[in-house]
C-alpha atoms as a PDB file:
ATOM      1  CA  MET A   1      91.509 120.597 115.897  1.00  0.00           C
ATOM      2  CA  GLN A   2      93.920 117.820 114.953  1.00  0.00           C
ATOM      3  CA  ARG A   3      96.489 120.452 113.890  1.00  0.00           C
ATOM      4  CA  ALA A   4      96.281 122.082 117.318  1.00  0.00           C
ATOM      5  CA  ILE A   5      96.694 118.710 119.036  1.00  0.00           C
ATOM      6  CA  LYS A   6      99.695 117.951 116.800  1.00  0.00           C
ATOM      7  CA  ARG A   7     101.322 121.230 117.858  1.00  0.00           C
ATOM      8  CA  VAL A   8     100.696 120.574 121.557  1.00  0.00           C
ATOM      9  CA  CYS A   9     102.191 117.087 121.192  1.00  0.00           C
ATOM     10  CA  ASP A  10     105.214 118.495 119.345  1.00  0.00           C
ATOM     11  CA  VAL A  11     105.909 121.080 122.059  1.00  0.00           C
ATOM     12  CA  ALA A  12     105.423 118.611 124.905  1.00  0.00           C
ATOM     13  CA  ALA A  13     107.543 115.880 123.335  1.00  0.00           C
ATOM     14  CA  ALA A  14     110.343 118.225 122.214  1.00  0.00           C
ATOM     15  CA  GLY A  15     110.504 119.910 125.625  1.00  0.00           C
ATOM     16  CA  VAL A  16     110.623 116.624 127.528  1.00  0.00           C
ATOM     17  CA  LEU A  17     113.192 115.098 125.160  1.00  0.00           C
ATOM     18  CA  LEU A  18     115.469 118.146 125.368  1.00  0.00           C
ATOM     19  CA  VAL A  19     115.487 117.871 129.164  1.00  0.00           C
ATOM     20  CA  ILE A  20     115.956 114.093 129.251  1.00  0.00           C
ATOM     21  CA  LEU A  21     118.625 114.109 126.541  1.00  0.00           C
ATOM     22  CA  LEU A  22     120.567 117.099 127.870  1.00  0.00           C
ATOM     23  CA  PRO A  23     123.497 114.929 129.097  1.00  0.00           C
ATOM     24  CA  VAL A  24     123.623 113.225 125.667  1.00  0.00           C
ATOM     25  CA  LEU A  25     123.545 116.579 123.882  1.00  0.00           C
ATOM     26  CA  VAL A  26     126.366 117.917 126.036  1.00  0.00           C
ATOM     27  CA  ALA A  27     128.458 114.756 125.510  1.00  0.00           C
ATOM     28  CA  ILE A  28     128.012 114.885 121.725  1.00  0.00           C
ATOM     29  CA  ALA A  29     128.849 118.588 121.628  1.00  0.00           C
ATOM     30  CA  ALA A  30     132.017 117.978 123.650  1.00  0.00           C
ATOM     31  CA  ALA A  31     133.061 115.071 121.404  1.00  0.00           C
ATOM     32  CA  ILE A  32     132.604 117.171 118.260  1.00  0.00           C
ATOM     33  CA  TYR A  33     134.543 120.075 119.736  1.00  0.00           C
ATOM     34  CA  PHE A  34     137.509 117.989 120.865  1.00  0.00           C
ATOM     35  CA  ILE A  35     137.656 115.771 117.756  1.00  0.00           C
ATOM     36  CA  MET A  36     136.682 118.174 114.952  1.00  0.00           C
ATOM     37  CA  GLY A  37     136.905 121.565 116.608  1.00  0.00           C
ATOM     38  CA  GLY A  38     134.299 124.279 116.383  1.00  0.00           C
ATOM     39  CA  PRO A  39     131.646 125.023 115.457  1.00  0.00           C
ATOM     40  CA  VAL A  40     129.719 122.241 117.123  1.00  0.00           C
ATOM     41  CA  LEU A  41     126.444 123.003 115.362  1.00  0.00           C
ATOM     42  CA  PHE A  42     125.693 123.094 111.651  1.00  0.00           C
ATOM     43  CA  ARG A  43     123.236 125.832 110.717  1.00  0.00           C
ATOM     44  CA  GLN A  44     121.606 126.202 107.334  1.00  0.00           C
ATOM     45  CA  THR A  45     118.617 128.112 105.989  1.00  0.00           C
ATOM     46  CA  ARG A  46     115.892 125.744 104.812  1.00  0.00           C
ATOM     47  CA  PRO A  47     112.343 126.265 103.520  1.00  0.00           C
ATOM     48  CA  GLY A  48     109.632 125.676 106.097  1.00  0.00           C
ATOM     49  CA  LEU A  49     105.843 125.665 105.838  1.00  0.00           C
ATOM     50  CA  HIS A  50     104.793 127.284 102.532  1.00  0.00           C
ATOM     51  CA  GLY A  51     108.488 127.792 101.732  1.00  0.00           C
ATOM     52  CA  VAL A  52     109.105 130.362 104.491  1.00  0.00           C
ATOM     53  CA  PRO A  53     112.853 130.188 105.342  1.00  0.00           C
ATOM     54  CA  PHE A  54     114.102 129.207 108.794  1.00  0.00           C
ATOM     55  CA  THR A  55     117.467 128.206 110.278  1.00  0.00           C
ATOM     56  CA  LEU A  56     117.812 124.455 110.730  1.00  0.00           C
ATOM     57  CA  VAL A  57     120.286 123.256 113.352  1.00  0.00           C
ATOM     58  CA  LYS A  58     122.099 119.914 113.483  1.00  0.00           C
ATOM     59  CA  PHE A  59     125.267 118.595 115.058  1.00  0.00           C
ATOM     60  CA  ARG A  60     128.170 119.085 112.648  1.00  0.00           C
ATOM     61  CA  THR A  61     129.333 115.832 111.024  1.00  0.00           C
ATOM     62  CA  MET A  62     131.742 117.057 108.333  1.00  0.00           C
ATOM     63  CA  GLN A  63     135.152 118.661 108.040  1.00  0.00           C
ATOM     64  CA  GLU A  64     135.428 121.749 105.865  1.00  0.00           C
ATOM     65  CA  ALA A  65     138.577 120.794 103.961  1.00  0.00           C
ATOM     66  CA  PHE A  66     137.170 118.434 101.324  1.00  0.00           C
ATOM     67  CA  ALA A  67     134.624 118.974  98.558  1.00  0.00           C
ATOM     68  CA  ALA A  68     132.961 115.544  98.451  1.00  0.00           C
ATOM     69  CA  ASP A  69     130.658 114.381 101.253  1.00  0.00           C
ATOM     70  CA  ALA A  70     132.492 111.055 101.597  1.00  0.00           C
ATOM     71  CA  GLY A  71     135.814 112.845 102.124  1.00  0.00           C
ATOM     72  CA  ARG A  72     134.384 115.355 104.581  1.00  0.00           C
ATOM     73  CA  LEU A  73     132.596 112.840 106.804  1.00  0.00           C
ATOM     74  CA  THR A  74     134.615 111.979 109.895  1.00  0.00           C
ATOM     75  CA  PRO A  75     134.281 108.675 111.774  1.00  0.00           C
ATOM     76  CA  LEU A  76     132.442 110.547 114.518  1.00  0.00           C
ATOM     77  CA  GLY A  77     130.234 112.232 111.940  1.00  0.00           C
ATOM     78  CA  ARG A  78     129.488 108.905 110.287  1.00  0.00           C
ATOM     79  CA  PHE A  79     128.431 107.479 113.655  1.00  0.00           C
ATOM     80  CA  LEU A  80     126.232 110.486 114.431  1.00  0.00           C
ATOM     81  CA  ARG A  81     124.508 110.165 111.061  1.00  0.00           C
ATOM     82  CA  SER A  82     124.025 106.407 111.204  1.00  0.00           C
ATOM     83  CA  SER A  83     122.480 106.724 114.665  1.00  0.00           C
ATOM     84  CA  SER A  84     120.565 109.916 113.719  1.00  0.00           C
ATOM     85  CA  LEU A  85     122.043 111.633 116.774  1.00  0.00           C
ATOM     86  CA  ASP A  86     123.068 114.545 114.550  1.00  0.00           C
ATOM     87  CA  GLU A  87     119.361 115.409 114.217  1.00  0.00           C
ATOM     88  CA  LEU A  88     118.763 115.942 117.955  1.00  0.00           C
ATOM     89  CA  PRO A  89     119.288 119.748 117.936  1.00  0.00           C
ATOM     90  CA  GLN A  90     116.276 119.993 115.609  1.00  0.00           C
ATOM     91  CA  LEU A  91     114.149 119.421 118.696  1.00  0.00           C
ATOM     92  CA  TRP A  92     114.754 123.128 119.270  1.00  0.00           C
ATOM     93  CA  ASN A  93     113.324 123.835 115.798  1.00  0.00           C
ATOM     94  CA  VAL A  94     110.271 121.807 116.812  1.00  0.00           C
ATOM     95  CA  LEU A  95     109.919 123.696 120.093  1.00  0.00           C
ATOM     96  CA  SER A  96     110.093 127.034 118.263  1.00  0.00           C
ATOM     97  CA  GLY A  97     107.405 125.963 115.774  1.00  0.00           C
ATOM     98  CA  GLU A  98     109.621 125.929 112.679  1.00  0.00           C
ATOM     99  CA  MET A  99     109.465 122.140 112.444  1.00  0.00           C
ATOM    100  CA  SER A 100     107.323 119.254 113.616  1.00  0.00           C
ATOM    101  CA  LEU A 101     108.360 115.839 114.840  1.00  0.00           C
ATOM    102  CA  VAL A 102     106.772 114.394 111.684  1.00  0.00           C
ATOM    103  CA  GLY A 103     106.567 115.954 108.230  1.00  0.00           C
ATOM    104  CA  PRO A 104     108.450 116.175 104.924  1.00  0.00           C
ATOM    105  CA  ARG A 105     112.153 116.764 105.502  1.00  0.00           C
ATOM    106  CA  PRO A 106     113.220 120.395 104.908  1.00  0.00           C
ATOM    107  CA  LEU A 107     115.510 120.385 101.871  1.00  0.00           C
ATOM    108  CA  LEU A 108     117.763 123.048 100.342  1.00  0.00           C
ATOM    109  CA  LEU A 109     116.380 126.473  99.442  1.00  0.00           C
ATOM    110  CA  LYS A 110     117.748 126.220  95.921  1.00  0.00           C
ATOM    111  CA  TYR A 111     115.490 123.229  95.250  1.00  0.00           C
ATOM    112  CA  LEU A 112     112.414 125.475  95.459  1.00  0.00           C
ATOM    113  CA  LEU A 113     113.051 126.693  91.918  1.00  0.00           C
ATOM    114  CA  LEU A 114     113.280 123.095  90.653  1.00  0.00           C
ATOM    115  CA  TYR A 115     110.034 121.701  92.058  1.00  0.00           C
ATOM    116  CA  ASN A 116     107.194 121.006  89.676  1.00  0.00           C
ATOM    117  CA  PRO A 117     103.673 121.953  90.909  1.00  0.00           C
ATOM    118  CA  ILE A 118     103.048 118.531  92.424  1.00  0.00           C
ATOM    119  CA  GLN A 119     106.411 118.389  94.204  1.00  0.00           C
ATOM    120  CA  ARG A 120     105.823 121.903  95.573  1.00  0.00           C
ATOM    121  CA  ARG A 121     102.833 120.523  97.509  1.00  0.00           C
ATOM    122  CA  ARG A 122     105.264 119.022 100.016  1.00  0.00           C
ATOM    123  CA  LEU A 123     105.564 122.593 101.352  1.00  0.00           C
ATOM    124  CA  GLU A 124     101.925 122.482 102.467  1.00  0.00           C
ATOM    125  CA  ALA A 125     102.996 120.611 105.617  1.00  0.00           C
ATOM    126  CA  THR A 126     105.339 121.775 108.372  1.00  0.00           C
ATOM    127  CA  PRO A 127     108.708 120.072 107.806  1.00  0.00           C
ATOM    128  CA  GLY A 128     109.612 117.290 110.191  1.00  0.00           C
ATOM    129  CA  ILE A 129     112.548 115.544 111.808  1.00  0.00           C
ATOM    130  CA  THR A 130     111.169 112.328 110.374  1.00  0.00           C
ATOM    131  CA  GLY A 131     108.517 111.605 107.779  1.00  0.00           C
ATOM    132  CA  TRP A 132     106.739 109.148 105.513  1.00  0.00           C
ATOM    133  CA  ALA A 133     109.664 109.119 103.053  1.00  0.00           C
ATOM    134  CA  GLN A 134     112.186 108.530 105.851  1.00  0.00           C
ATOM    135  CA  ILE A 135     110.518 105.320 107.007  1.00  0.00           C
ATOM    136  CA  HIS A 136     110.499 104.118 103.394  1.00  0.00           C
ATOM    137  CA  GLY A 137     114.240 104.259 102.939  1.00  0.00           C
ATOM    138  CA  ARG A 138     115.543 107.697 104.011  1.00  0.00           C
ATOM    139  CA  ASN A 139     118.486 108.666 101.774  1.00  0.00           C
ATOM    140  CA  ALA A 140     118.376 105.341  99.929  1.00  0.00           C
ATOM    141  CA  VAL A 141     115.194 106.474  98.131  1.00  0.00           C
ATOM    142  CA  ASP A 142     115.681 108.420  94.883  1.00  0.00           C
ATOM    143  CA  TRP A 143     114.217 111.907  94.534  1.00  0.00           C
ATOM    144  CA  GLU A 144     111.123 111.166  92.443  1.00  0.00           C
ATOM    145  CA  PRO A 145     109.644 108.459  94.718  1.00  0.00           C
ATOM    146  CA  ARG A 146     110.724 110.466  97.746  1.00  0.00           C
ATOM    147  CA  PHE A 147     108.690 113.471  96.616  1.00  0.00           C
ATOM    148  CA  ARG A 148     105.708 111.233  95.838  1.00  0.00           C
ATOM    149  CA  LEU A 149     105.873 109.880  99.383  1.00  0.00           C
ATOM    150  CA  ASP A 150     105.994 113.421 100.790  1.00  0.00           C
ATOM    151  CA  VAL A 151     102.928 114.482  98.803  1.00  0.00           C
ATOM    152  CA  TRP A 152     101.109 111.294  99.829  1.00  0.00           C
ATOM    153  CA  TYR A 153     101.747 112.289 103.461  1.00  0.00           C
ATOM    154  CA  VAL A 154     100.322 115.774 102.841  1.00  0.00           C
ATOM    155  CA  ASP A 155      97.145 114.238 101.373  1.00  0.00           C
ATOM    156  CA  HIS A 156      96.682 111.544 104.021  1.00  0.00           C
ATOM    157  CA  TRP A 157      97.948 113.198 107.192  1.00  0.00           C
ATOM    158  CA  SER A 158      96.397 112.274 110.533  1.00  0.00           C
ATOM    159  CA  LEU A 159      97.534 111.991 114.133  1.00  0.00           C
ATOM    160  CA  GLY A 160      97.363 108.220 113.792  1.00  0.00           C
ATOM    161  CA  LEU A 161      99.644 108.306 110.753  1.00  0.00           C
ATOM    162  CA  ASP A 162     102.148 110.474 112.650  1.00  0.00           C
ATOM    163  CA  PHE A 163     102.161 107.940 115.489  1.00  0.00           C
ATOM    164  CA  ARG A 164     102.829 105.091 113.029  1.00  0.00           C
ATOM    165  CA  ILE A 165     105.673 107.070 111.461  1.00  0.00           C
ATOM    166  CA  LEU A 166     107.282 107.781 114.836  1.00  0.00           C
ATOM    167  CA  CYS A 167     107.130 104.093 115.797  1.00  0.00           C
ATOM    168  CA  ARG A 168     108.614 102.957 112.483  1.00  0.00           C
ATOM    169  CA  THR A 169     111.269 105.685 112.681  1.00  0.00           C
ATOM    170  CA  LEU A 170     112.478 104.222 115.951  1.00  0.00           C
ATOM    171  CA  LEU A 171     112.807 100.808 114.315  1.00  0.00           C
ATOM    172  CA  SER A 172     114.620 102.300 111.288  1.00  0.00           C
ATOM    173  CA  VAL A 173     117.062 104.208 113.478  1.00  0.00           C
ATOM    174  CA  LEU A 174     117.790 101.165 115.608  1.00  0.00           C
ATOM    175  CA  GLY A 175     118.370  99.135 112.432  1.00  0.00           C
ATOM    176  CA  ARG A 176     120.358 101.997 110.826  1.00  0.00           C
ATOM    177  CA  ARG A 177     118.621 101.456 107.490  1.00  0.00           C
ATOM    178  CA  GLY A 178     118.667 103.872 104.551  1.00  0.00           C
ATOM    179  CA  ILE A 179     121.317 106.240 105.904  1.00  0.00           C
ATOM    180  CA  THR A 180     123.156 106.599 102.618  1.00  0.00           C
ATOM    181  CA  HIS A 181     122.267 106.633  98.944  1.00  0.00           C
ATOM    182  CA  THR A 182     123.736 103.783  96.906  1.00  0.00           C
ATOM    183  CA  GLU A 183     126.172 106.095  95.095  1.00  0.00           C
ATOM    184  CA  HIS A 184     126.691 108.897  97.620  1.00  0.00           C
ATOM    185  CA  ALA A 185     127.649 109.356 101.264  1.00  0.00           C
ATOM    186  CA  SER A 186     124.320 111.089 101.903  1.00  0.00           C
ATOM    187  CA  MET A 187     122.035 112.079  99.023  1.00  0.00           C
ATOM    188  CA  PRO A 188     122.886 113.379  95.520  1.00  0.00           C
ATOM    189  CA  GLU A 189     121.739 116.892  94.695  1.00  0.00           C
ATOM    190  CA  PHE A 190     118.290 117.263  93.187  1.00  0.00           C
ATOM    191  CA  GLN A 191     118.668 118.469  89.587  1.00  0.00           C
ATOM    192  CA  GLY A 192     114.987 118.869  88.800  1.00  0.00           C
ATOM    193  CA  SER A 193     112.552 116.393  87.309  1.00  0.00           C
ATOM    194  CA  ALA A 194     113.021 115.110  83.784  1.00  0.00           C
ATOM    195  CA  PRO A 195     110.302 116.388  81.421  1.00  0.00           C
ATOM    196  CA  GLU A 196     107.525 113.888  80.849  1.00  0.00           C
ATOM    197  CA  ASN A 197     107.214 112.256  77.448  1.00  0.00           C
ATOM    198  CA  PRO A 198     104.244 113.523  75.427  1.00  0.00           C
END
């Protein structure tokens, strides 16, 4: 029952926000087009619930000419990331059922082969725009604790927890905390977990 209520809330909230934020979405799209050129949207295949692939959409924040994230980020892109405005198109992913407002962030497909059995449990929940790991530091949290936070969310999920996460997300976004990792413009690539000592 709670899952059905969560889905109804996701659809209602995403639909209302897309209508209310339409002028903002159009303004951001125009700014990206005139400053960075096309395409306006960044599309990438990500693993969804149970690892089923879907196409995630975000506003584009990077130029294509440079290899490193720090070199590719434009001033506009940096602003969109720090304010989390680049994530707004994912409301469409929520409306279509591929994502939820709250859940573990959908990461790269290639990481699926690197997850250990415990880390793979993060795929038991529909991926979200925000999540338990995001309100505990976003990209500033290293991979191992980030995955532990995701699995904790899977084990303790409730509508009340989602509401708490949404409220704390708003505070985090307003404070622009945890946008970058300490050594990277966004987040270093996940290389797999180190084997445990016997």
